[in-house]
């Protein structure tokens, strides 16, 4: 039997590459991208990926799975508006492309749907609760990582709760939108536990904040319900 050839350094580590200098590097895709508009490099969680569709129309790739050359823009309304107004998507696509007139509003609506759906799935898994007392108890017991409160709830009521230590607070959804996630008409206060789908909620809610601001949609009505919901 012929002797086995010795393994090259790093060949037993499938998640790493051997560089010319003998050093290894991760195969994983970089977690940062450069904004097409500002030129700033930042984590992907603060950016939105776009691709050029076959008909030359810009398509937002919120799940980051569409094939083709991707280009990234910061997830905030003024930056996206500048990309549309100045035709900067063509520079990112390295081809002539156009953006639909309702592109930004469509992104906002799609992000809101994604957050609602993720919270709904988390609730079904037992990782999300709604209602002032339940949320307060989770916060007091250290069970919550995210506090999600309705943009159109009263500030007085929302101020009685607090952001989880080391966690996040979001106010980018209306009471009716959070209510959809819990099968109710309106929900003012909700909380999510660590793990599960919570990191995805944080990612998409952070992007939605950029389009709506922490106080939610500009079309939200003031005070949609009582603080106990």
Protein backbone atom coordinates (compact mmCIF):
# COMPACT_ATOMS: atom_id res chain seq x y z
CA UNK A 1 0.00 0.00 0.00
CA UNK A 2 1.34 3.39 -1.00
CA UNK A 3 2.01 5.72 1.95
CA UNK A 4 -0.56 8.43 2.52
CA UNK A 5 0.35 11.91 1.46
CA UNK A 6 0.70 14.27 4.40
CA UNK A 7 -2.14 16.73 4.89
CA UNK A 8 -1.46 20.33 4.06
CA UNK A 9 -1.87 22.77 6.93
CA UNK A 10 -5.47 23.83 7.27
CA UNK A 11 -6.91 21.20 4.92
CA UNK A 12 -8.91 19.68 7.74
CA UNK A 13 -10.63 22.99 8.41
CA UNK A 14 -13.33 23.31 5.71
CA UNK A 15 -14.35 26.78 6.84
CA UNK A 16 -10.94 28.33 6.24
CA UNK A 17 -8.67 29.01 3.24
CA UNK A 18 -4.88 28.83 3.06
CA UNK A 19 -3.43 32.07 1.70
CA UNK A 20 -0.14 32.42 -0.19
CA UNK A 21 1.60 33.48 2.98
CA UNK A 22 0.53 30.29 4.72
CA UNK A 23 -2.05 32.08 6.84
CA UNK A 24 -5.66 31.02 6.96
CA UNK A 25 -8.72 33.13 6.42
CA UNK A 26 -12.41 32.49 6.80
CA UNK A 27 -14.53 31.43 3.84
CA UNK A 28 -17.49 33.19 5.35
CA UNK A 29 -18.78 36.25 3.55
CA UNK A 30 -17.74 39.56 5.09
CA UNK A 31 -20.24 40.92 7.58
CA UNK A 32 -19.69 44.49 6.38
CA UNK A 33 -20.47 46.24 3.12
CA UNK A 34 -19.91 49.69 1.63
CA UNK A 35 -22.89 51.96 1.13
CA UNK A 36 -23.29 52.92 -2.51
CA UNK A 37 -24.33 56.46 -1.59
CA UNK A 38 -22.19 57.47 1.40
CA UNK A 39 -19.17 55.29 0.71
CA UNK A 40 -19.10 54.26 4.36
CA UNK A 41 -18.38 50.67 5.35
CA UNK A 42 -20.73 49.36 8.02
CA UNK A 43 -22.35 46.09 9.20
CA UNK A 44 -24.83 44.57 6.77
CA UNK A 45 -27.57 44.88 9.38
CA UNK A 46 -27.63 48.63 8.71
CA UNK A 47 -27.77 48.27 4.94
CA UNK A 48 -30.19 46.98 2.33
CA UNK A 49 -29.03 44.79 -0.55
CA UNK A 50 -30.27 45.43 -4.07
CA UNK A 51 -29.92 43.58 -7.34
CA UNK A 52 -30.80 44.48 -10.91
CA UNK A 53 -33.77 42.55 -12.26
CA UNK A 54 -33.84 41.09 -15.77
CA UNK A 55 -36.01 44.00 -16.90
CA UNK A 56 -33.49 46.59 -15.67
CA UNK A 57 -35.51 47.49 -12.55
CA UNK A 58 -33.88 47.68 -9.12
CA UNK A 59 -35.09 44.95 -6.74
CA UNK A 60 -34.58 45.13 -2.95
CA UNK A 61 -33.23 41.83 -1.63
CA UNK A 62 -34.25 41.96 2.04
CA UNK A 63 -33.49 38.26 2.58
CA UNK A 64 -30.08 38.67 0.88
CA UNK A 65 -30.58 35.54 -1.23
CA UNK A 66 -31.28 36.76 -4.77
CA UNK A 67 -28.68 35.85 -7.40
CA UNK A 68 -26.70 38.47 -9.25
CA UNK A 69 -24.39 41.32 -8.44
CA UNK A 70 -25.50 42.90 -5.19
CA UNK A 71 -25.08 46.54 -4.20
CA UNK A 72 -25.86 48.03 -0.82
CA UNK A 73 -27.43 51.24 0.47
CA UNK A 74 -27.79 52.41 4.05
CA UNK A 75 -31.22 51.64 5.48
CA UNK A 76 -32.43 55.18 6.04
CA UNK A 77 -34.92 57.15 4.01
CA UNK A 78 -32.77 60.21 3.10
CA UNK A 79 -29.95 58.00 1.78
CA UNK A 80 -32.33 55.86 -0.24
CA UNK A 81 -34.05 58.96 -1.61
CA UNK A 82 -30.68 60.29 -2.73
CA UNK A 83 -29.89 56.99 -4.48
CA UNK A 84 -33.16 57.21 -6.39
CA UNK A 85 -32.94 60.93 -7.21
CA UNK A 86 -29.36 60.78 -8.48
CA UNK A 87 -29.65 57.46 -10.29
CA UNK A 88 -26.88 55.91 -8.19
CA UNK A 89 -28.24 52.38 -8.49
CA UNK A 90 -26.84 52.22 -12.02
CA UNK A 91 -23.36 52.80 -10.63
CA UNK A 92 -23.78 49.93 -8.19
CA UNK A 93 -25.19 47.58 -10.83
CA UNK A 94 -22.59 48.69 -13.39
CA UNK A 95 -25.47 48.84 -15.85
CA UNK A 96 -28.33 51.17 -16.62
CA UNK A 97 -31.15 50.42 -14.18
CA UNK A 98 -34.17 52.30 -12.91
CA UNK A 99 -36.03 52.42 -9.61
CA UNK A 100 -39.81 52.29 -9.30
CA UNK A 101 -41.44 55.46 -7.96
CA UNK A 102 -42.73 53.58 -4.91
CA UNK A 103 -39.49 51.72 -4.21
CA UNK A 104 -38.82 53.19 -0.76
CA UNK A 105 -42.42 52.93 0.44
CA UNK A 106 -42.45 49.35 -0.80
CA UNK A 107 -39.30 48.56 1.20
CA UNK A 108 -40.84 50.10 4.32
CA UNK A 109 -44.00 48.04 3.95
CA UNK A 110 -42.05 44.85 3.27
CA UNK A 111 -39.82 45.36 6.32
CA UNK A 112 -42.87 45.96 8.51
CA UNK A 113 -44.42 42.70 7.25
CA UNK A 114 -41.19 40.83 7.92
CA UNK A 115 -40.95 42.11 11.51
CA UNK A 116 -44.62 41.29 12.20
CA UNK A 117 -44.23 37.79 10.77
CA UNK A 118 -41.04 37.13 12.74
CA UNK A 119 -42.64 38.30 15.99
CA UNK A 120 -45.64 36.11 15.25
CA UNK A 121 -43.42 33.06 14.77
CA UNK A 122 -41.52 33.92 17.96
CA UNK A 123 -44.83 34.15 19.82
CA UNK A 124 -45.87 30.71 18.56
CA UNK A 125 -42.53 29.33 19.79
CA UNK A 126 -43.10 30.81 23.23
CA UNK A 127 -40.38 33.42 22.77
CA UNK A 128 -42.58 36.53 22.74
CA UNK A 129 -45.23 37.97 25.07
CA UNK A 130 -47.61 40.92 24.91
CA UNK A 131 -49.34 43.08 27.48
CA UNK A 132 -47.99 45.49 30.08
CA UNK A 133 -47.88 43.09 33.05
CA UNK A 134 -46.40 40.13 31.15
CA UNK A 135 -43.75 42.32 29.57
CA UNK A 136 -42.94 43.94 32.90
CA UNK A 137 -42.51 40.53 34.50
CA UNK A 138 -40.19 39.35 31.71
CA UNK A 139 -38.10 42.49 32.09
CA UNK A 140 -37.92 42.12 35.87
CA UNK A 141 -36.93 38.44 35.58
CA UNK A 142 -34.27 39.11 32.92
CA UNK A 143 -36.10 37.02 30.32
CA UNK A 144 -36.33 39.73 27.63
CA UNK A 145 -33.78 40.81 25.06
CA UNK A 146 -36.04 43.12 23.04
CA UNK A 147 -38.73 45.55 24.17
CA UNK A 148 -41.05 46.39 21.29
CA UNK A 149 -43.55 49.20 21.88
CA UNK A 150 -46.12 50.75 19.58
CA UNK A 151 -45.22 54.06 17.99
CA UNK A 152 -48.76 55.29 18.59
CA UNK A 153 -49.00 54.26 22.24
CA UNK A 154 -48.91 56.93 24.94
CA UNK A 155 -45.45 58.03 26.04
CA UNK A 156 -46.58 58.02 29.66
CA UNK A 157 -47.44 54.34 29.58
CA UNK A 158 -44.41 53.30 27.57
CA UNK A 159 -42.11 55.17 29.94
CA UNK A 160 -43.05 52.79 32.76
CA UNK A 161 -41.05 50.00 31.10
CA UNK A 162 -37.35 49.88 30.36
CA UNK A 163 -34.91 48.57 27.75
CA UNK A 164 -33.47 45.17 28.75
CA UNK A 165 -29.83 45.46 29.93
CA UNK A 166 -27.67 44.63 26.93
CA UNK A 167 -30.82 44.39 24.79
CA UNK A 168 -32.73 46.61 22.38
CA UNK A 169 -35.83 48.81 22.27
CA UNK A 170 -37.84 49.43 19.12
CA UNK A 171 -40.74 51.76 18.48
CA UNK A 172 -41.07 51.32 14.73
CA UNK A 173 -44.39 49.43 14.56
CA UNK A 174 -47.90 50.70 15.20
CA UNK A 175 -50.20 49.11 17.77
CA UNK A 176 -52.25 47.46 15.03
CA UNK A 177 -49.12 46.02 13.41
CA UNK A 178 -47.87 44.51 16.69
CA UNK A 179 -51.42 43.32 17.28
CA UNK A 180 -51.29 41.30 14.06
CA UNK A 181 -48.34 39.35 15.44
CA UNK A 182 -50.36 38.39 18.53
CA UNK A 183 -53.77 37.90 16.94
CA UNK A 184 -55.22 41.02 18.54
CA UNK A 185 -56.54 44.34 17.31
CA UNK A 186 -53.93 46.41 19.13
CA UNK A 187 -50.84 45.74 21.25
CA UNK A 188 -48.77 48.49 22.84
CA UNK A 189 -46.11 46.51 24.73
CA UNK A 190 -44.35 43.28 23.72
CA UNK A 191 -41.09 41.56 24.53
CA UNK A 192 -38.91 38.90 22.92
CA UNK A 193 -36.60 36.41 24.60
CA UNK A 194 -32.97 35.88 23.52
CA UNK A 195 -32.23 33.33 20.81
CA UNK A 196 -34.65 31.90 18.31
CA UNK A 197 -35.80 34.47 15.78
CA UNK A 198 -34.96 37.48 17.94
CA UNK A 199 -31.72 38.33 16.12
CA UNK A 200 -33.64 38.46 12.84
CA UNK A 201 -36.24 40.73 14.45
CA UNK A 202 -33.43 43.03 15.60
CA UNK A 203 -31.94 43.13 12.11
CA UNK A 204 -35.16 43.94 10.28
CA UNK A 205 -36.52 46.26 12.97
CA UNK A 206 -33.23 48.20 12.87
CA UNK A 207 -33.67 48.67 9.13
CA UNK A 208 -37.31 49.65 9.56
CA UNK A 209 -36.25 52.26 12.13
CA UNK A 210 -34.08 53.81 9.44
CA UNK A 211 -37.08 54.27 7.18
CA UNK A 212 -39.65 55.21 9.82
CA UNK A 213 -37.60 56.48 12.72
CA UNK A 214 -38.06 55.14 16.24
CA UNK A 215 -41.45 56.82 16.46
CA UNK A 216 -42.81 54.71 13.62
CA UNK A 217 -44.64 55.47 10.40
CA UNK A 218 -45.48 59.04 9.53
CA UNK A 219 -49.04 57.85 8.90
CA UNK A 220 -49.48 56.40 12.39
CA UNK A 221 -52.26 57.88 14.47
CA UNK A 222 -51.55 59.13 17.96
CA UNK A 223 -52.46 56.85 20.86
CA UNK A 224 -54.01 53.73 19.41
CA UNK A 225 -55.07 52.18 22.71
CA UNK A 226 -54.55 51.72 26.40
CA UNK A 227 -51.13 51.15 27.93
CA UNK A 228 -52.09 47.77 29.34
CA UNK A 229 -52.33 46.10 25.96
